[in-house]
Amino acid sequence: MRIRHAAALALAYWMIVPPQTSRSPLRFDANAPLDEWYIAGIFDSAAECENYKQEMNRGWLLALEPRHLDAATIRDLQQYQAQELCIAADDPSLNEK
């Protein structure tokens, strides 16, 4: 769900992720306006969002570890995870262009 399509979900915290630039989830545009990012989760508090983000990211790395990923792929995944944001649904920066 894109942020601009979720106006009815105010008074919450969102975990948002940048839009992909290709079919690979590791190719993304961290410079895209925030209203083009995707909502990856909705939470009652910033703390819940941050906890979820940490648990999810740890889970991704554990799930992918058996595949013996190369260092470049692991670095790409970590760069993607570093772009994830927890932000209030009514944050004014979501409306900036």
PDB file of N, CA and C in Angstrom:
ATOM      1  N   MET A   1       0.841  -1.159   0.000  1.00  0.00           N
ATOM      2  CA  MET A   1       0.000   0.000   0.000  1.00  0.00           C
ATOM      3  C   MET A   1       0.895   1.233   0.000  1.00  0.00           C
ATOM      4  N   ARG A   2       0.679   2.106  -0.939  1.00  0.00           N
ATOM      5  CA  ARG A   2       1.428   3.358  -0.968  1.00  0.00           C
ATOM      6  C   ARG A   2       0.892   4.294   0.096  1.00  0.00           C
ATOM      7  N   ILE A   3       1.755   5.148   0.588  1.00  0.00           N
ATOM      8  CA  ILE A   3       1.381   6.050   1.669  1.00  0.00           C
ATOM      9  C   ILE A   3       0.227   6.948   1.277  1.00  0.00           C
ATOM     10  N   ARG A   4       0.243   7.497   0.080  1.00  0.00           N
ATOM     11  CA  ARG A   4      -0.817   8.438  -0.287  1.00  0.00           C
ATOM     12  C   ARG A   4      -2.185   7.773  -0.352  1.00  0.00           C
ATOM     13  N   HIS A   5      -2.232   6.453  -0.400  1.00  0.00           N
ATOM     14  CA  HIS A   5      -3.501   5.738  -0.430  1.00  0.00           C
ATOM     15  C   HIS A   5      -3.974   5.340   0.966  1.00  0.00           C
ATOM     16  N   ALA A   6      -3.281   5.764   1.988  1.00  0.00           N
ATOM     17  CA  ALA A   6      -3.594   5.298   3.341  1.00  0.00           C
ATOM     18  C   ALA A   6      -3.950   6.434   4.295  1.00  0.00           C
ATOM     19  N   ALA A   7      -4.516   7.492   3.789  1.00  0.00           N
ATOM     20  CA  ALA A   7      -4.816   8.654   4.624  1.00  0.00           C
ATOM     21  C   ALA A   7      -5.755   8.314   5.774  1.00  0.00           C
ATOM     22  N   ALA A   8      -6.597   7.335   5.622  1.00  0.00           N
ATOM     23  CA  ALA A   8      -7.552   6.983   6.668  1.00  0.00           C
ATOM     24  C   ALA A   8      -6.896   6.304   7.861  1.00  0.00           C
ATOM     25  N   LEU A   9      -5.634   5.982   7.762  1.00  0.00           N
ATOM     26  CA  LEU A   9      -4.953   5.265   8.840  1.00  0.00           C
ATOM     27  C   LEU A   9      -4.170   6.207   9.749  1.00  0.00           C
ATOM     28  N   ALA A  10      -4.649   7.406   9.930  1.00  0.00           N
ATOM     29  CA  ALA A  10      -3.954   8.399  10.745  1.00  0.00           C
ATOM     30  C   ALA A  10      -3.896   7.943  12.203  1.00  0.00           C
ATOM     31  N   LEU A  11      -3.119   8.670  12.985  1.00  0.00           N
ATOM     32  CA  LEU A  11      -2.945   8.410  14.406  1.00  0.00           C
ATOM     33  C   LEU A  11      -2.339   7.035  14.664  1.00  0.00           C
ATOM     34  N   ALA A  12      -1.430   6.663  13.810  1.00  0.00           N
ATOM     35  CA  ALA A  12      -0.709   5.406  13.952  1.00  0.00           C
ATOM     36  C   ALA A  12       0.739   5.656  13.573  1.00  0.00           C
ATOM     37  N   TYR A  13       1.545   4.648  13.753  1.00  0.00           N
ATOM     38  CA  TYR A  13       2.941   4.699  13.281  1.00  0.00           C
ATOM     39  C   TYR A  13       3.078   3.692  12.165  1.00  0.00           C
ATOM     40  N   TRP A  14       3.776   4.076  11.146  1.00  0.00           N
ATOM     41  CA  TRP A  14       3.972   3.229   9.989  1.00  0.00           C
ATOM     42  C   TRP A  14       5.436   2.857   9.864  1.00  0.00           C
ATOM     43  N   MET A  15       5.679   1.619   9.494  1.00  0.00           N
ATOM     44  CA  MET A  15       7.006   1.248   9.025  1.00  0.00           C
ATOM     45  C   MET A  15       6.929   1.358   7.512  1.00  0.00           C
ATOM     46  N   ILE A  16       7.759   2.220   6.943  1.00  0.00           N
ATOM     47  CA  ILE A  16       7.715   2.419   5.501  1.00  0.00           C
ATOM     48  C   ILE A  16       9.046   2.009   4.876  1.00  0.00           C
ATOM     49  N   VAL A  17       8.948   1.584   3.629  1.00  0.00           N
ATOM     50  CA  VAL A  17      10.128   1.139   2.879  1.00  0.00           C
ATOM     51  C   VAL A  17      10.130   1.844   1.525  1.00  0.00           C
ATOM     52  N   PRO A  18      11.319   2.102   0.991  1.00  0.00           N
ATOM     53  CA  PRO A  18      11.388   2.811  -0.290  1.00  0.00           C
ATOM     54  C   PRO A  18      10.874   1.954  -1.443  1.00  0.00           C
ATOM     55  N   PRO A  19      10.428   2.614  -2.503  1.00  0.00           N
ATOM     56  CA  PRO A  19       9.946   1.855  -3.667  1.00  0.00           C
ATOM     57  C   PRO A  19      11.084   1.146  -4.378  1.00  0.00           C
ATOM     58  N   GLN A  20      10.770   0.012  -4.955  1.00  0.00           N
ATOM     59  CA  GLN A  20      11.757  -0.753  -5.717  1.00  0.00           C
ATOM     60  C   GLN A  20      11.984  -0.099  -7.074  1.00  0.00           C
ATOM     61  N   THR A  21      13.177  -0.277  -7.612  1.00  0.00           N
ATOM     62  CA  THR A  21      13.481   0.236  -8.944  1.00  0.00           C
ATOM     63  C   THR A  21      13.554  -0.891  -9.964  1.00  0.00           C
ATOM     64  N   SER A  22      13.418  -2.122  -9.500  1.00  0.00           N
ATOM     65  CA  SER A  22      13.413  -3.292 -10.393  1.00  0.00           C
ATOM     66  C   SER A  22      12.668  -4.406  -9.672  1.00  0.00           C
ATOM     67  N   ARG A  23      12.650  -5.578 -10.269  1.00  0.00           N
ATOM     68  CA  ARG A  23      11.974  -6.713  -9.626  1.00  0.00           C
ATOM     69  C   ARG A  23      12.718  -7.184  -8.377  1.00  0.00           C
ATOM     70  N   SER A  24      13.965  -6.821  -8.257  1.00  0.00           N
ATOM     71  CA  SER A  24      14.738  -7.213  -7.080  1.00  0.00           C
ATOM     72  C   SER A  24      14.358  -6.318  -5.904  1.00  0.00           C
ATOM     73  N   PRO A  25      14.020  -6.912  -4.747  1.00  0.00           N
ATOM     74  CA  PRO A  25      13.705  -6.073  -3.582  1.00  0.00           C
ATOM     75  C   PRO A  25      14.918  -5.307  -3.070  1.00  0.00           C
ATOM     76  N   LEU A  26      16.093  -5.650  -3.552  1.00  0.00           N
ATOM     77  CA  LEU A  26      17.294  -4.979  -3.076  1.00  0.00           C
ATOM     78  C   LEU A  26      17.689  -3.801  -3.962  1.00  0.00           C
ATOM     79  N   ARG A  27      16.910  -3.500  -4.950  1.00  0.00           N
ATOM     80  CA  ARG A  27      17.131  -2.334  -5.800  1.00  0.00           C
ATOM     81  C   ARG A  27      16.013  -1.359  -5.493  1.00  0.00           C
ATOM     82  N   PHE A  28      16.357  -0.252  -4.870  1.00  0.00           N
ATOM     83  CA  PHE A  28      15.348   0.660  -4.357  1.00  0.00           C
ATOM     84  C   PHE A  28      15.782   2.107  -4.535  1.00  0.00           C
ATOM     85  N   ASP A  29      14.815   3.007  -4.423  1.00  0.00           N
ATOM     86  CA  ASP A  29      15.072   4.431  -4.564  1.00  0.00           C
ATOM     87  C   ASP A  29      14.835   5.119  -3.231  1.00  0.00           C
ATOM     88  N   ALA A  30      15.882   5.210  -2.426  1.00  0.00           N
ATOM     89  CA  ALA A  30      15.774   5.836  -1.107  1.00  0.00           C
ATOM     90  C   ALA A  30      15.583   7.347  -1.217  1.00  0.00           C
ATOM     91  N   ASN A  31      15.763   7.902  -2.416  1.00  0.00           N
ATOM     92  CA  ASN A  31      15.579   9.338  -2.611  1.00  0.00           C
ATOM     93  C   ASN A  31      14.179   9.690  -3.107  1.00  0.00           C
ATOM     94  N   ALA A  32      13.332   8.692  -3.291  1.00  0.00           N
ATOM     95  CA  ALA A  32      11.957   8.959  -3.721  1.00  0.00           C
ATOM     96  C   ALA A  32      11.239   9.748  -2.629  1.00  0.00           C
ATOM     97  N   PRO A  33      10.289  10.602  -3.010  1.00  0.00           N
ATOM     98  CA  PRO A  33       9.502  11.310  -1.990  1.00  0.00           C
ATOM     99  C   PRO A  33       8.818  10.307  -1.061  1.00  0.00           C
ATOM    100  N   LEU A  34       8.698  10.653   0.209  1.00  0.00           N
ATOM    101  CA  LEU A  34       8.140   9.711   1.188  1.00  0.00           C
ATOM    102  C   LEU A  34       6.719   9.276   0.839  1.00  0.00           C
ATOM    103  N   ASP A  35       5.957  10.108   0.138  1.00  0.00           N
ATOM    104  CA  ASP A  35       4.593   9.693  -0.190  1.00  0.00           C
ATOM    105  C   ASP A  35       4.554   8.614  -1.264  1.00  0.00           C
ATOM    106  N   GLU A  36       5.711   8.252  -1.826  1.00  0.00           N
ATOM    107  CA  GLU A  36       5.792   7.155  -2.788  1.00  0.00           C
ATOM    108  C   GLU A  36       6.305   5.859  -2.152  1.00  0.00           C
ATOM    109  N   TRP A  37       6.711   5.929  -0.883  1.00  0.00           N
ATOM    110  CA  TRP A  37       7.187   4.744  -0.186  1.00  0.00           C
ATOM    111  C   TRP A  37       6.000   3.847   0.141  1.00  0.00           C
ATOM    112  N   TYR A  38       6.277   2.605   0.524  1.00  0.00           N
ATOM    113  CA  TYR A  38       5.238   1.625   0.830  1.00  0.00           C
ATOM    114  C   TYR A  38       5.148   1.384   2.331  1.00  0.00           C
ATOM    115  N   ILE A  39       3.935   1.143   2.773  1.00  0.00           N
ATOM    116  CA  ILE A  39       3.695   0.823   4.184  1.00  0.00           C
ATOM    117  C   ILE A  39       3.931  -0.671   4.369  1.00  0.00           C
ATOM    118  N   ALA A  40       4.879  -1.006   5.252  1.00  0.00           N
ATOM    119  CA  ALA A  40       5.200  -2.407   5.516  1.00  0.00           C
ATOM    120  C   ALA A  40       4.571  -2.892   6.820  1.00  0.00           C
ATOM    121  N   GLY A  41       4.023  -1.959   7.599  1.00  0.00           N
ATOM    122  CA  GLY A  41       3.380  -2.328   8.850  1.00  0.00           C
ATOM    123  C   GLY A  41       2.769  -1.103   9.506  1.00  0.00           C
ATOM    124  N   ILE A  42       1.722  -1.308  10.288  1.00  0.00           N
ATOM    125  CA  ILE A  42       1.035  -0.239  11.005  1.00  0.00           C
ATOM    126  C   ILE A  42       1.022  -0.611  12.479  1.00  0.00           C
ATOM    127  N   PHE A  43       1.383   0.361  13.322  1.00  0.00           N
ATOM    128  CA  PHE A  43       1.584   0.084  14.750  1.00  0.00           C
ATOM    129  C   PHE A  43       0.963   1.176  15.599  1.00  0.00           C
ATOM    130  N   ASP A  44       0.690   0.853  16.849  1.00  0.00           N
ATOM    131  CA  ASP A  44       0.103   1.812  17.782  1.00  0.00           C
ATOM    132  C   ASP A  44       1.136   2.777  18.356  1.00  0.00           C
ATOM    133  N   SER A  45       2.405   2.397  18.318  1.00  0.00           N
ATOM    134  CA  SER A  45       3.437   3.256  18.890  1.00  0.00           C
ATOM    135  C   SER A  45       4.732   3.138  18.088  1.00  0.00           C
ATOM    136  N   ALA A  46       5.581   4.147  18.255  1.00  0.00           N
ATOM    137  CA  ALA A  46       6.882   4.125  17.595  1.00  0.00           C
ATOM    138  C   ALA A  46       7.718   2.955  18.112  1.00  0.00           C
ATOM    139  N   ALA A  47       7.606   2.657  19.399  1.00  0.00           N
ATOM    140  CA  ALA A  47       8.377   1.556  19.986  1.00  0.00           C
ATOM    141  C   ALA A  47       7.972   0.215  19.369  1.00  0.00           C
ATOM    142  N   GLU A  48       6.673   0.000  19.171  1.00  0.00           N
ATOM    143  CA  GLU A  48       6.217  -1.245  18.537  1.00  0.00           C
ATOM    144  C   GLU A  48       6.781  -1.358  17.125  1.00  0.00           C
ATOM    145  N   CYS A  49       6.780  -0.248  16.408  1.00  0.00           N
ATOM    146  CA  CYS A  49       7.294  -0.239  15.043  1.00  0.00           C
ATOM    147  C   CYS A  49       8.780  -0.581  15.028  1.00  0.00           C
ATOM    148  N   GLU A  50       9.548   0.057  15.884  1.00  0.00           N
ATOM    149  CA  GLU A  50      11.001  -0.190  15.930  1.00  0.00           C
ATOM    150  C   GLU A  50      11.297  -1.639  16.319  1.00  0.00           C
ATOM    151  N   ASN A  51      10.550  -2.166  17.285  1.00  0.00           N
ATOM    152  CA  ASN A  51      10.746  -3.563  17.698  1.00  0.00           C
ATOM    153  C   ASN A  51      10.450  -4.510  16.546  1.00  0.00           C
ATOM    154  N   TYR A  52       9.353  -4.264  15.831  1.00  0.00           N
ATOM    155  CA  TYR A  52       9.007  -5.095  14.690  1.00  0.00           C
ATOM    156  C   TYR A  52      10.094  -5.035  13.623  1.00  0.00           C
ATOM    157  N   LYS A  53      10.566  -3.832  13.339  1.00  0.00           N
ATOM    158  CA  LYS A  53      11.594  -3.645  12.316  1.00  0.00           C
ATOM    159  C   LYS A  53      12.844  -4.450  12.672  1.00  0.00           C
ATOM    160  N   GLN A  54      13.278  -4.378  13.909  1.00  0.00           N
ATOM    161  CA  GLN A  54      14.468  -5.116  14.331  1.00  0.00           C
ATOM    162  C   GLN A  54      14.257  -6.625  14.243  1.00  0.00           C
ATOM    163  N   GLU A  55      13.095  -7.098  14.707  1.00  0.00           N
ATOM    164  CA  GLU A  55      12.806  -8.534  14.655  1.00  0.00           C
ATOM    165  C   GLU A  55      12.726  -9.023  13.210  1.00  0.00           C
ATOM    166  N   MET A  56      12.062  -8.259  12.357  1.00  0.00           N
ATOM    167  CA  MET A  56      11.917  -8.656  10.965  1.00  0.00           C
ATOM    168  C   MET A  56      13.280  -8.711  10.272  1.00  0.00           C
ATOM    169  N   ASN A  57      14.103  -7.704  10.485  1.00  0.00           N
ATOM    170  CA  ASN A  57      15.417  -7.668   9.843  1.00  0.00           C
ATOM    171  C   ASN A  57      16.307  -8.803  10.327  1.00  0.00           C
ATOM    172  N   ARG A  58      16.259  -9.088  11.602  1.00  0.00           N
ATOM    173  CA  ARG A  58      17.031 -10.214  12.145  1.00  0.00           C
ATOM    174  C   ARG A  58      16.535 -11.521  11.520  1.00  0.00           C
ATOM    175  N   GLY A  59      15.220 -11.652  11.381  1.00  0.00           N
ATOM    176  CA  GLY A  59      14.643 -12.851  10.783  1.00  0.00           C
ATOM    177  C   GLY A  59      15.049 -13.041   9.332  1.00  0.00           C
ATOM    178  N   TRP A  60      15.093 -11.934   8.569  1.00  0.00           N
ATOM    179  CA  TRP A  60      15.528 -12.023   7.170  1.00  0.00           C
ATOM    180  C   TRP A  60      16.944 -12.564   7.075  1.00  0.00           C
ATOM    181  N   LEU A  61      17.833 -12.011   7.873  1.00  0.00           N
ATOM    182  CA  LEU A  61      19.233 -12.445   7.807  1.00  0.00           C
ATOM    183  C   LEU A  61      19.381 -13.904   8.225  1.00  0.00           C
ATOM    184  N   LEU A  62      18.630 -14.327   9.237  1.00  0.00           N
ATOM    185  CA  LEU A  62      18.689 -15.728   9.663  1.00  0.00           C
ATOM    186  C   LEU A  62      18.117 -16.650   8.596  1.00  0.00           C
ATOM    187  N   ALA A  63      17.013 -16.236   7.974  1.00  0.00           N
ATOM    188  CA  ALA A  63      16.387 -17.072   6.945  1.00  0.00           C
ATOM    189  C   ALA A  63      17.264 -17.215   5.708  1.00  0.00           C
ATOM    190  N   LEU A  64      18.006 -16.185   5.394  1.00  0.00           N
ATOM    191  CA  LEU A  64      18.829 -16.208   4.190  1.00  0.00           C
ATOM    192  C   LEU A  64      20.219 -16.796   4.418  1.00  0.00           C
ATOM    193  N   GLU A  65      20.636 -16.889   5.664  1.00  0.00           N
ATOM    194  CA  GLU A  65      21.976 -17.379   5.984  1.00  0.00           C
ATOM    195  C   GLU A  65      22.286 -18.743   5.371  1.00  0.00           C
ATOM    196  N   PRO A  66      21.359 -19.710   5.436  1.00  0.00           N
ATOM    197  CA  PRO A  66      21.686 -21.024   4.865  1.00  0.00           C
ATOM    198  C   PRO A  66      21.963 -20.989   3.365  1.00  0.00           C
ATOM    199  N   ARG A  67      21.578 -19.955   2.709  1.00  0.00           N
ATOM    200  CA  ARG A  67      21.791 -19.867   1.267  1.00  0.00           C
ATOM    201  C   ARG A  67      23.203 -19.409   0.935  1.00  0.00           C
ATOM    202  N   HIS A  68      23.993 -19.123   1.945  1.00  0.00           N
ATOM    203  CA  HIS A  68      25.387 -18.718   1.766  1.00  0.00           C
ATOM    204  C   HIS A  68      25.500 -17.544   0.789  1.00  0.00           C
ATOM    205  N   LEU A  69      24.841 -16.477   1.158  1.00  0.00           N
ATOM    206  CA  LEU A  69      24.853 -15.292   0.315  1.00  0.00           C
ATOM    207  C   LEU A  69      26.253 -14.691   0.241  1.00  0.00           C
ATOM    208  N   ASP A  70      26.554 -14.107  -0.894  1.00  0.00           N
ATOM    209  CA  ASP A  70      27.849 -13.444  -1.014  1.00  0.00           C
ATOM    210  C   ASP A  70      27.814 -12.114  -0.270  1.00  0.00           C
ATOM    211  N   ALA A  71      28.976 -11.572  -0.028  1.00  0.00           N
ATOM    212  CA  ALA A  71      29.106 -10.353   0.765  1.00  0.00           C
ATOM    213  C   ALA A  71      28.356  -9.183   0.132  1.00  0.00           C
ATOM    214  N   ALA A  72      28.343  -9.089  -1.192  1.00  0.00           N
ATOM    215  CA  ALA A  72      27.659  -7.985  -1.872  1.00  0.00           C
ATOM    216  C   ALA A  72      26.148  -8.044  -1.641  1.00  0.00           C
ATOM    217  N   THR A  73      25.577  -9.251  -1.683  1.00  0.00           N
ATOM    218  CA  THR A  73      24.136  -9.398  -1.470  1.00  0.00           C
ATOM    219  C   THR A  73      23.778  -9.069  -0.030  1.00  0.00           C
ATOM    220  N   ILE A  74      24.580  -9.518   0.900  1.00  0.00           N
ATOM    221  CA  ILE A  74      24.332  -9.202   2.310  1.00  0.00           C
ATOM    222  C   ILE A  74      24.427  -7.698   2.526  1.00  0.00           C
ATOM    223  N   ARG A  75      25.393  -7.059   1.913  1.00  0.00           N
ATOM    224  CA  ARG A  75      25.547  -5.602   2.025  1.00  0.00           C
ATOM    225  C   ARG A  75      24.319  -4.891   1.433  1.00  0.00           C
ATOM    226  N   ASP A  76      23.834  -5.364   0.281  1.00  0.00           N
ATOM    227  CA  ASP A  76      22.639  -4.774  -0.330  1.00  0.00           C
ATOM    228  C   ASP A  76      21.432  -4.908   0.592  1.00  0.00           C
ATOM    229  N   LEU A  77      21.275  -6.074   1.199  1.00  0.00           N
ATOM    230  CA  LEU A  77      20.168  -6.297   2.120  1.00  0.00           C
ATOM    231  C   LEU A  77      20.265  -5.367   3.323  1.00  0.00           C
ATOM    232  N   GLN A  78      21.446  -5.226   3.862  1.00  0.00           N
ATOM    233  CA  GLN A  78      21.632  -4.345   5.012  1.00  0.00           C
ATOM    234  C   GLN A  78      21.390  -2.884   4.641  1.00  0.00           C
ATOM    235  N   GLN A  79      21.774  -2.476   3.439  1.00  0.00           N
ATOM    236  CA  GLN A  79      21.512  -1.110   2.989  1.00  0.00           C
ATOM    237  C   GLN A  79      20.010  -0.882   2.848  1.00  0.00           C
ATOM    238  N   TYR A  80      19.303  -1.869   2.327  1.00  0.00           N
ATOM    239  CA  TYR A  80      17.855  -1.755   2.206  1.00  0.00           C
ATOM    240  C   TYR A  80      17.224  -1.630   3.593  1.00  0.00           C
ATOM    241  N   GLN A  81      17.640  -2.496   4.500  1.00  0.00           N
ATOM    242  CA  GLN A  81      17.076  -2.461   5.851  1.00  0.00           C
ATOM    243  C   GLN A  81      17.378  -1.137   6.541  1.00  0.00           C
ATOM    244  N   ALA A  82      18.504  -0.540   6.255  1.00  0.00           N
ATOM    245  CA  ALA A  82      18.864   0.738   6.868  1.00  0.00           C
ATOM    246  C   ALA A  82      17.950   1.871   6.396  1.00  0.00           C
ATOM    247  N   GLN A  83      17.286   1.684   5.271  1.00  0.00           N
ATOM    248  CA  GLN A  83      16.388   2.718   4.750  1.00  0.00           C
ATOM    249  C   GLN A  83      14.984   2.652   5.349  1.00  0.00           C
ATOM    250  N   GLU A  84      14.619   1.544   5.957  1.00  0.00           N
ATOM    251  CA  GLU A  84      13.286   1.408   6.537  1.00  0.00           C
ATOM    252  C   GLU A  84      13.091   2.471   7.617  1.00  0.00           C
ATOM    253  N   LEU A  85      11.907   3.047   7.638  1.00  0.00           N
ATOM    254  CA  LEU A  85      11.606   4.103   8.605  1.00  0.00           C
ATOM    255  C   LEU A  85      10.363   3.764   9.403  1.00  0.00           C
ATOM    256  N   CYS A  86      10.359   4.178  10.653  1.00  0.00           N
ATOM    257  CA  CYS A  86       9.146   4.196  11.456  1.00  0.00           C
ATOM    258  C   CYS A  86       8.773   5.666  11.582  1.00  0.00           C
ATOM    259  N   ILE A  87       7.550   5.986  11.161  1.00  0.00           N
ATOM    260  CA  ILE A  87       7.151   7.389  11.083  1.00  0.00           C
ATOM    261  C   ILE A  87       5.687   7.516  11.474  1.00  0.00           C
ATOM    262  N   ALA A  88       5.353   8.621  12.144  1.00  0.00           N
ATOM    263  CA  ALA A  88       3.967   8.864  12.507  1.00  0.00           C
ATOM    264  C   ALA A  88       3.150   9.087  11.245  1.00  0.00           C
ATOM    265  N   ALA A  89       1.947   8.542  11.220  1.00  0.00           N
ATOM    266  CA  ALA A  89       1.092   8.650  10.041  1.00  0.00           C
ATOM    267  C   ALA A  89       0.768  10.096   9.700  1.00  0.00           C
ATOM    268  N   ASP A  90       0.802  10.975  10.699  1.00  0.00           N
ATOM    269  CA  ASP A  90       0.490  12.375  10.450  1.00  0.00           C
ATOM    270  C   ASP A  90       1.743  13.264  10.352  1.00  0.00           C
ATOM    271  N   ASP A  91       2.899  12.651  10.146  1.00  0.00           N
ATOM    272  CA  ASP A  91       4.147  13.413  10.012  1.00  0.00           C
ATOM    273  C   ASP A  91       4.055  14.327   8.789  1.00  0.00           C
ATOM    274  N   PRO A  92       4.335  15.616   8.953  1.00  0.00           N
ATOM    275  CA  PRO A  92       4.229  16.559   7.830  1.00  0.00           C
ATOM    276  C   PRO A  92       5.162  16.244   6.663  1.00  0.00           C
ATOM    277  N   SER A  93       6.263  15.568   6.900  1.00  0.00           N
ATOM    278  CA  SER A  93       7.189  15.267   5.802  1.00  0.00           C
ATOM    279  C   SER A  93       6.585  14.307   4.782  1.00  0.00           C
ATOM    280  N   LEU A  94       5.499  13.629   5.142  1.00  0.00           N
ATOM    281  CA  LEU A  94       4.836  12.742   4.203  1.00  0.00           C
ATOM    282  C   LEU A  94       4.130  13.510   3.090  1.00  0.00           C
ATOM    283  N   ASN A  95       3.880  14.778   3.323  1.00  0.00           N
ATOM    284  CA  ASN A  95       3.174  15.604   2.335  1.00  0.00           C
ATOM    285  C   ASN A  95       4.112  16.460   1.504  1.00  0.00           C
ATOM    286  N   GLU A  96       5.405  16.404   1.782  1.00  0.00           N
ATOM    287  CA  GLU A  96       6.365  17.215   1.041  1.00  0.00           C
ATOM    288  C   GLU A  96       6.636  16.602  -0.318  1.00  0.00           C
ATOM    289  N   LYS A  97       6.814  17.438  -1.289  1.00  0.00           N
ATOM    290  CA  LYS A  97       7.157  16.966  -2.642  1.00  0.00           C
ATOM    291  C   LYS A  97       8.510  17.504  -3.021  1.00  0.00           C
TER     292      LYS A  97
END
